[in-house]
Each structure stands twice: as structure tokens, then as C-alpha cells.
């Protein structure tokens, strides 16, 4: 998955969480600094936890000298 390149973890990130109401189909989204949770969706404790984990995986792993982000969906499959 890392194509035998060194990886860096960006563990020092902090996210702001904002609540939005949108009847669109998304659960949450992020720009790497803010996570927007769609309050139109019905969260239970587990779903909220894994939604936040999913959004926080964006940009967590940086691969190689070109600073390529490893796709969070690949990480989620491994976890």
C-alpha cells in the first residue's frame, strides 16, 4: 500500500467539529482541519465514533518524498 516508500504520520493534528444540517446523503466531511457532522443523519454512539475515525484518517499517513496522502478508505479496509 505504501509502495515500499517511507511513511510519515501526522499525529499532531487537531480538528474542530461543527454540526450542519443538510438533507443530502453524506454523513460527515472534512478539509483536514474541520469535521462537519450532518445532523440530518441519526447517529448512535458507535456510528458517531466510527464516522469521526473515518474523517480523521484523511491525511493521517503521508507516503514517500512527494508527500502523497494515503487514501483513508485503504486504511479503513485494513482496520
PDB file of N, CA and C in Angstrom:
ATOM      1  N   UNK A   1       0.821  -1.185   0.000  1.00  0.00           N
ATOM      2  CA  UNK A   1       0.000   0.000   0.000  1.00  0.00           C
ATOM      3  C   UNK A   1       0.871   1.257   0.000  1.00  0.00           C
ATOM      4  N   UNK A   2       2.006   1.190   0.632  1.00  0.00           N
ATOM      5  CA  UNK A   2       2.896   2.354   0.681  1.00  0.00           C
ATOM      6  C   UNK A   2       3.930   2.321  -0.427  1.00  0.00           C
ATOM      7  N   UNK A   3       3.860   1.279  -1.252  1.00  0.00           N
ATOM      8  CA  UNK A   3       4.777   1.139  -2.394  1.00  0.00           C
ATOM      9  C   UNK A   3       6.231   1.177  -1.952  1.00  0.00           C
ATOM     10  N   UNK A   4       6.512   0.561  -0.824  1.00  0.00           N
ATOM     11  CA  UNK A   4       7.857   0.443  -0.257  1.00  0.00           C
ATOM     12  C   UNK A   4       8.527   1.792  -0.049  1.00  0.00           C
ATOM     13  N   UNK A   5       7.743   2.815   0.176  1.00  0.00           N
ATOM     14  CA  UNK A   5       8.277   4.139   0.450  1.00  0.00           C
ATOM     15  C   UNK A   5       8.128   4.433   1.936  1.00  0.00           C
ATOM     16  N   UNK A   6       8.994   5.291   2.463  1.00  0.00           N
ATOM     17  CA  UNK A   6       8.843   5.658   3.879  1.00  0.00           C
ATOM     18  C   UNK A   6       7.532   6.412   4.089  1.00  0.00           C
ATOM     19  N   UNK A   7       6.986   6.278   5.268  1.00  0.00           N
ATOM     20  CA  UNK A   7       5.733   6.979   5.585  1.00  0.00           C
ATOM     21  C   UNK A   7       5.945   7.871   6.792  1.00  0.00           C
ATOM     22  N   UNK A   8       5.162   8.932   6.848  1.00  0.00           N
ATOM     23  CA  UNK A   8       5.125   9.829   7.994  1.00  0.00           C
ATOM     24  C   UNK A   8       3.692   9.844   8.502  1.00  0.00           C
ATOM     25  N   UNK A   9       3.529   9.906   9.793  1.00  0.00           N
ATOM     26  CA  UNK A   9       2.211  10.037  10.393  1.00  0.00           C
ATOM     27  C   UNK A   9       2.052  11.459  10.911  1.00  0.00           C
ATOM     28  N   UNK A  10       0.943  12.070  10.553  1.00  0.00           N
ATOM     29  CA  UNK A  10       0.649  13.420  11.039  1.00  0.00           C
ATOM     30  C   UNK A  10      -0.240  13.294  12.280  1.00  0.00           C
ATOM     31  N   UNK A  11       0.402  13.032  13.414  1.00  0.00           N
ATOM     32  CA  UNK A  11      -0.326  12.751  14.649  1.00  0.00           C
ATOM     33  C   UNK A  11      -0.629  13.996  15.470  1.00  0.00           C
ATOM     34  N   UNK A  12      -0.080  15.112  15.109  1.00  0.00           N
ATOM     35  CA  UNK A  12      -0.250  16.316  15.910  1.00  0.00           C
ATOM     36  C   UNK A  12      -1.437  17.165  15.461  1.00  0.00           C
ATOM     37  N   UNK A  13      -2.302  16.617  14.639  1.00  0.00           N
ATOM     38  CA  UNK A  13      -3.432  17.387  14.114  1.00  0.00           C
ATOM     39  C   UNK A  13      -4.533  17.521  15.155  1.00  0.00           C
ATOM     40  N   UNK A  14      -5.210  18.634  15.100  1.00  0.00           N
ATOM     41  CA  UNK A  14      -6.397  18.850  15.911  1.00  0.00           C
ATOM     42  C   UNK A  14      -7.525  19.230  14.972  1.00  0.00           C
ATOM     43  N   UNK A  15      -8.704  18.738  15.256  1.00  0.00           N
ATOM     44  CA  UNK A  15      -9.863  19.016  14.422  1.00  0.00           C
ATOM     45  C   UNK A  15     -10.894  19.821  15.195  1.00  0.00           C
ATOM     46  N   UNK A  16     -11.498  20.755  14.526  1.00  0.00           N
ATOM     47  CA  UNK A  16     -12.698  21.390  15.047  1.00  0.00           C
ATOM     48  C   UNK A  16     -13.866  20.555  14.539  1.00  0.00           C
ATOM     49  N   UNK A  17     -14.902  20.443  15.322  1.00  0.00           N
ATOM     50  CA  UNK A  17     -16.093  19.718  14.887  1.00  0.00           C
ATOM     51  C   UNK A  17     -17.252  20.704  14.839  1.00  0.00           C
ATOM     52  N   UNK A  18     -17.894  20.752  13.693  1.00  0.00           N
ATOM     53  CA  UNK A  18     -19.035  21.635  13.518  1.00  0.00           C
ATOM     54  C   UNK A  18     -20.237  20.797  13.090  1.00  0.00           C
ATOM     55  N   UNK A  19     -21.388  21.178  13.570  1.00  0.00           N
ATOM     56  CA  UNK A  19     -22.630  20.498  13.216  1.00  0.00           C
ATOM     57  C   UNK A  19     -23.326  21.278  12.110  1.00  0.00           C
ATOM     58  N   UNK A  20     -23.766  20.559  11.097  1.00  0.00           N
ATOM     59  CA  UNK A  20     -24.522  21.155   9.998  1.00  0.00           C
ATOM     60  C   UNK A  20     -25.784  20.330   9.790  1.00  0.00           C
ATOM     61  N   UNK A  21     -26.775  20.936   9.204  1.00  0.00           N
ATOM     62  CA  UNK A  21     -27.997  20.213   8.880  1.00  0.00           C
ATOM     63  C   UNK A  21     -28.188  20.297   7.375  1.00  0.00           C
ATOM     64  N   UNK A  22     -28.126  19.132   6.722  1.00  0.00           N
ATOM     65  CA  UNK A  22     -28.247  19.072   5.270  1.00  0.00           C
ATOM     66  C   UNK A  22     -28.910  17.753   4.923  1.00  0.00           C
ATOM     67  N   UNK A  23     -29.982  17.793   4.150  1.00  0.00           N
ATOM     68  CA  UNK A  23     -30.677  16.551   3.807  1.00  0.00           C
ATOM     69  C   UNK A  23     -30.026  15.818   2.635  1.00  0.00           C
ATOM     70  N   UNK A  24     -28.777  16.142   2.367  1.00  0.00           N
ATOM     71  CA  UNK A  24     -28.002  15.432   1.355  1.00  0.00           C
ATOM     72  C   UNK A  24     -27.609  14.063   1.919  1.00  0.00           C
ATOM     73  N   UNK A  25     -26.934  13.254   1.129  1.00  0.00           N
ATOM     74  CA  UNK A  25     -26.667  11.867   1.519  1.00  0.00           C
ATOM     75  C   UNK A  25     -25.401  11.678   2.367  1.00  0.00           C
ATOM     76  N   UNK A  26     -24.584  12.706   2.589  1.00  0.00           N
ATOM     77  CA  UNK A  26     -23.328  12.484   3.310  1.00  0.00           C
ATOM     78  C   UNK A  26     -23.541  12.472   4.829  1.00  0.00           C
ATOM     79  N   UNK A  27     -22.690  11.725   5.515  1.00  0.00           N
ATOM     80  CA  UNK A  27     -22.713  11.645   6.981  1.00  0.00           C
ATOM     81  C   UNK A  27     -21.837  12.736   7.585  1.00  0.00           C
ATOM     82  N   UNK A  28     -20.659  12.907   7.005  1.00  0.00           N
ATOM     83  CA  UNK A  28     -19.699  13.887   7.505  1.00  0.00           C
ATOM     84  C   UNK A  28     -18.699  14.177   6.398  1.00  0.00           C
ATOM     85  N   UNK A  29     -17.959  15.259   6.573  1.00  0.00           N
ATOM     86  CA  UNK A  29     -16.875  15.570   5.645  1.00  0.00           C
ATOM     87  C   UNK A  29     -15.835  16.394   6.383  1.00  0.00           C
ATOM     88  N   UNK A  30     -14.630  16.472   5.791  1.00  0.00           N
ATOM     89  CA  UNK A  30     -13.543  17.202   6.427  1.00  0.00           C
ATOM     90  C   UNK A  30     -12.680  17.866   5.374  1.00  0.00           C
ATOM     91  N   UNK A  31     -12.012  18.922   5.803  1.00  0.00           N
ATOM     92  CA  UNK A  31     -10.986  19.558   4.975  1.00  0.00           C
ATOM     93  C   UNK A  31      -9.607  19.343   5.592  1.00  0.00           C
ATOM     94  N   UNK A  32      -9.526  18.465   6.589  1.00  0.00           N
ATOM     95  CA  UNK A  32      -8.270  18.207   7.285  1.00  0.00           C
ATOM     96  C   UNK A  32      -8.100  19.041   8.539  1.00  0.00           C
ATOM     97  N   UNK A  33      -8.958  20.032   8.732  1.00  0.00           N
ATOM     98  CA  UNK A  33      -8.907  20.863   9.927  1.00  0.00           C
ATOM     99  C   UNK A  33     -10.243  20.871  10.665  1.00  0.00           C
ATOM    100  N   UNK A  34     -11.326  20.817   9.923  1.00  0.00           N
ATOM    101  CA  UNK A  34     -12.673  20.831  10.494  1.00  0.00           C
ATOM    102  C   UNK A  34     -13.407  19.595  10.019  1.00  0.00           C
ATOM    103  N   UNK A  35     -14.157  18.985  10.918  1.00  0.00           N
ATOM    104  CA  UNK A  35     -15.059  17.887  10.549  1.00  0.00           C
ATOM    105  C   UNK A  35     -16.475  18.420  10.700  1.00  0.00           C
ATOM    106  N   UNK A  36     -17.237  18.332   9.619  1.00  0.00           N
ATOM    107  CA  UNK A  36     -18.631  18.737   9.638  1.00  0.00           C
ATOM    108  C   UNK A  36     -19.495  17.490   9.758  1.00  0.00           C
ATOM    109  N   UNK A  37     -20.259  17.400  10.826  1.00  0.00           N
ATOM    110  CA  UNK A  37     -21.174  16.280  11.040  1.00  0.00           C
ATOM    111  C   UNK A  37     -22.566  16.708  10.598  1.00  0.00           C
ATOM    112  N   UNK A  38     -23.181  15.892   9.774  1.00  0.00           N
ATOM    113  CA  UNK A  38     -24.508  16.182   9.263  1.00  0.00           C
ATOM    114  C   UNK A  38     -25.547  15.711  10.282  1.00  0.00           C
ATOM    115  N   UNK A  39     -26.201  16.638  10.943  1.00  0.00           N
ATOM    116  CA  UNK A  39     -27.177  16.282  11.980  1.00  0.00           C
ATOM    117  C   UNK A  39     -28.488  15.772  11.393  1.00  0.00           C
ATOM    118  N   UNK A  40     -28.602  15.774  10.079  1.00  0.00           N
ATOM    119  CA  UNK A  40     -29.765  15.170   9.427  1.00  0.00           C
ATOM    120  C   UNK A  40     -29.749  13.652   9.636  1.00  0.00           C
ATOM    121  N   UNK A  41     -28.547  13.088   9.786  1.00  0.00           N
ATOM    122  CA  UNK A  41     -28.386  11.649   9.986  1.00  0.00           C
ATOM    123  C   UNK A  41     -28.629  11.288  11.444  1.00  0.00           C
ATOM    124  N   UNK A  42     -29.030  10.043  11.662  1.00  0.00           N
ATOM    125  CA  UNK A  42     -29.330   9.555  13.006  1.00  0.00           C
ATOM    126  C   UNK A  42     -28.137   8.741  13.514  1.00  0.00           C
ATOM    127  N   UNK A  43     -27.348   9.331  14.407  1.00  0.00           N
ATOM    128  CA  UNK A  43     -26.154   8.674  14.941  1.00  0.00           C
ATOM    129  C   UNK A  43     -26.471   7.968  16.250  1.00  0.00           C
ATOM    130  N   UNK A  44     -25.874   6.796  16.410  1.00  0.00           N
ATOM    131  CA  UNK A  44     -25.785   6.226  17.743  1.00  0.00           C
ATOM    132  C   UNK A  44     -24.314   6.359  18.157  1.00  0.00           C
ATOM    133  N   UNK A  45     -23.975   5.927  19.343  1.00  0.00           N
ATOM    134  CA  UNK A  45     -22.615   6.118  19.851  1.00  0.00           C
ATOM    135  C   UNK A  45     -21.560   5.484  18.940  1.00  0.00           C
ATOM    136  N   UNK A  46     -21.799   4.259  18.492  1.00  0.00           N
ATOM    137  CA  UNK A  46     -20.833   3.562  17.645  1.00  0.00           C
ATOM    138  C   UNK A  46     -20.680   4.205  16.282  1.00  0.00           C
ATOM    139  N   UNK A  47     -21.786   4.574  15.675  1.00  0.00           N
ATOM    140  CA  UNK A  47     -21.735   5.190  14.353  1.00  0.00           C
ATOM    141  C   UNK A  47     -21.035   6.544  14.412  1.00  0.00           C
ATOM    142  N   UNK A  48     -21.289   7.311  15.450  1.00  0.00           N
ATOM    143  CA  UNK A  48     -20.611   8.600  15.608  1.00  0.00           C
ATOM    144  C   UNK A  48     -19.113   8.390  15.760  1.00  0.00           C
ATOM    145  N   UNK A  49     -18.711   7.429  16.593  1.00  0.00           N
ATOM    146  CA  UNK A  49     -17.292   7.141  16.801  1.00  0.00           C
ATOM    147  C   UNK A  49     -16.611   6.782  15.483  1.00  0.00           C
ATOM    148  N   UNK A  50     -17.162   5.834  14.746  1.00  0.00           N
ATOM    149  CA  UNK A  50     -16.506   5.387  13.516  1.00  0.00           C
ATOM    150  C   UNK A  50     -16.583   6.420  12.400  1.00  0.00           C
ATOM    151  N   UNK A  51     -17.594   7.263  12.409  1.00  0.00           N
ATOM    152  CA  UNK A  51     -17.649   8.362  11.446  1.00  0.00           C
ATOM    153  C   UNK A  51     -16.512   9.345  11.711  1.00  0.00           C
ATOM    154  N   UNK A  52     -16.290   9.677  12.982  1.00  0.00           N
ATOM    155  CA  UNK A  52     -15.192  10.580  13.320  1.00  0.00           C
ATOM    156  C   UNK A  52     -13.827   9.950  13.005  1.00  0.00           C
ATOM    157  N   UNK A  53     -13.661   8.683  13.308  1.00  0.00           N
ATOM    158  CA  UNK A  53     -12.406   7.992  12.983  1.00  0.00           C
ATOM    159  C   UNK A  53     -12.168   8.034  11.478  1.00  0.00           C
ATOM    160  N   UNK A  54     -13.198   7.745  10.694  1.00  0.00           N
ATOM    161  CA  UNK A  54     -13.074   7.757   9.239  1.00  0.00           C
ATOM    162  C   UNK A  54     -12.613   9.139   8.758  1.00  0.00           C
ATOM    163  N   UNK A  55     -13.235  10.190   9.246  1.00  0.00           N
ATOM    164  CA  UNK A  55     -12.877  11.535   8.802  1.00  0.00           C
ATOM    165  C   UNK A  55     -11.472  11.921   9.253  1.00  0.00           C
ATOM    166  N   UNK A  56     -11.060  11.450  10.431  1.00  0.00           N
ATOM    167  CA  UNK A  56      -9.734  11.790  10.934  1.00  0.00           C
ATOM    168  C   UNK A  56      -8.620  11.041  10.195  1.00  0.00           C
ATOM    169  N   UNK A  57      -8.955   9.973   9.496  1.00  0.00           N
ATOM    170  CA  UNK A  57      -7.943   9.232   8.740  1.00  0.00           C
ATOM    171  C   UNK A  57      -7.487   9.978   7.488  1.00  0.00           C
ATOM    172  N   UNK A  58      -8.311  10.914   7.009  1.00  0.00           N
ATOM    173  CA  UNK A  58      -7.891  11.697   5.847  1.00  0.00           C
ATOM    174  C   UNK A  58      -6.604  12.433   6.173  1.00  0.00           C
ATOM    175  N   UNK A  59      -5.579  12.232   5.363  1.00  0.00           N
ATOM    176  CA  UNK A  59      -4.318  12.956   5.531  1.00  0.00           C
ATOM    177  C   UNK A  59      -3.465  12.510   6.697  1.00  0.00           C
ATOM    178  N   UNK A  60      -3.817  11.405   7.353  1.00  0.00           N
ATOM    179  CA  UNK A  60      -3.036  10.936   8.503  1.00  0.00           C
ATOM    180  C   UNK A  60      -1.695  10.355   8.071  1.00  0.00           C
ATOM    181  N   UNK A  61      -1.685   9.553   7.018  1.00  0.00           N
ATOM    182  CA  UNK A  61      -0.471   8.877   6.557  1.00  0.00           C
ATOM    183  C   UNK A  61       0.024   9.565   5.292  1.00  0.00           C
ATOM    184  N   UNK A  62       1.276  10.022   5.330  1.00  0.00           N
ATOM    185  CA  UNK A  62       1.914  10.660   4.193  1.00  0.00           C
ATOM    186  C   UNK A  62       2.986   9.707   3.687  1.00  0.00           C
ATOM    187  N   UNK A  63       2.967   9.425   2.399  1.00  0.00           N
ATOM    188  CA  UNK A  63       3.841   8.406   1.808  1.00  0.00           C
ATOM    189  C   UNK A  63       4.868   9.048   0.896  1.00  0.00           C
ATOM    190  N   UNK A  64       6.132   8.633   1.073  1.00  0.00           N
ATOM    191  CA  UNK A  64       7.194   8.995   0.144  1.00  0.00           C
ATOM    192  C   UNK A  64       7.640  10.440   0.215  1.00  0.00           C
ATOM    193  N   UNK A  65       8.599  10.756  -0.627  1.00  0.00           N
ATOM    194  CA  UNK A  65       9.174  12.095  -0.660  1.00  0.00           C
ATOM    195  C   UNK A  65       8.216  13.108  -1.279  1.00  0.00           C
ATOM    196  N   UNK A  66       7.260  12.642  -2.069  1.00  0.00           N
ATOM    197  CA  UNK A  66       6.308  13.547  -2.698  1.00  0.00           C
ATOM    198  C   UNK A  66       5.171  13.955  -1.791  1.00  0.00           C
ATOM    199  N   UNK A  67       5.199  13.466  -0.537  1.00  0.00           N
ATOM    200  CA  UNK A  67       4.165  13.780   0.443  1.00  0.00           C
ATOM    201  C   UNK A  67       2.762  13.428  -0.049  1.00  0.00           C
ATOM    202  N   UNK A  68       2.613  12.235  -0.598  1.00  0.00           N
ATOM    203  CA  UNK A  68       1.319  11.772  -1.071  1.00  0.00           C
ATOM    204  C   UNK A  68       0.503  11.236   0.095  1.00  0.00           C
ATOM    205  N   UNK A  69      -0.733  11.662   0.186  1.00  0.00           N
ATOM    206  CA  UNK A  69      -1.599  11.141   1.236  1.00  0.00           C
ATOM    207  C   UNK A  69      -2.044   9.731   0.869  1.00  0.00           C
ATOM    208  N   UNK A  70      -2.019   8.860   1.862  1.00  0.00           N
ATOM    209  CA  UNK A  70      -2.547   7.517   1.681  1.00  0.00           C
ATOM    210  C   UNK A  70      -4.055   7.585   1.836  1.00  0.00           C
ATOM    211  N   UNK A  71      -4.775   6.986   0.952  1.00  0.00           N
ATOM    212  CA  UNK A  71      -6.229   7.100   0.967  1.00  0.00           C
ATOM    213  C   UNK A  71      -6.825   6.466   2.212  1.00  0.00           C
ATOM    214  N   UNK A  72      -7.712   7.191   2.874  1.00  0.00           N
ATOM    215  CA  UNK A  72      -8.297   6.706   4.126  1.00  0.00           C
ATOM    216  C   UNK A  72      -9.132   5.466   3.917  1.00  0.00           C
ATOM    217  N   UNK A  73      -9.727   5.265   2.747  1.00  0.00           N
ATOM    218  CA  UNK A  73     -10.529   4.070   2.513  1.00  0.00           C
ATOM    219  C   UNK A  73      -9.658   2.820   2.523  1.00  0.00           C
ATOM    220  N   UNK A  74      -8.431   2.921   2.043  1.00  0.00           N
ATOM    221  CA  UNK A  74      -7.495   1.806   2.129  1.00  0.00           C
ATOM    222  C   UNK A  74      -7.159   1.490   3.581  1.00  0.00           C
ATOM    223  N   UNK A  75      -6.958   2.531   4.386  1.00  0.00           N
ATOM    224  CA  UNK A  75      -6.683   2.323   5.801  1.00  0.00           C
ATOM    225  C   UNK A  75      -7.878   1.696   6.518  1.00  0.00           C
ATOM    226  N   UNK A  76      -9.071   2.162   6.200  1.00  0.00           N
ATOM    227  CA  UNK A  76     -10.273   1.619   6.828  1.00  0.00           C
ATOM    228  C   UNK A  76     -10.426   0.131   6.514  1.00  0.00           C
ATOM    229  N   UNK A  77     -10.114  -0.256   5.302  1.00  0.00           N
ATOM    230  CA  UNK A  77     -10.192  -1.679   4.946  1.00  0.00           C
ATOM    231  C   UNK A  77      -9.241  -2.519   5.790  1.00  0.00           C
ATOM    232  N   UNK A  78      -8.046  -1.983   6.070  1.00  0.00           N
ATOM    233  CA  UNK A  78      -7.078  -2.716   6.891  1.00  0.00           C
ATOM    234  C   UNK A  78      -7.516  -2.775   8.335  1.00  0.00           C
ATOM    235  N   UNK A  79      -8.093  -1.664   8.837  1.00  0.00           N
ATOM    236  CA  UNK A  79      -8.526  -1.649  10.241  1.00  0.00           C
ATOM    237  C   UNK A  79      -9.720  -2.547  10.447  1.00  0.00           C
TER     238      UNK A  79
END
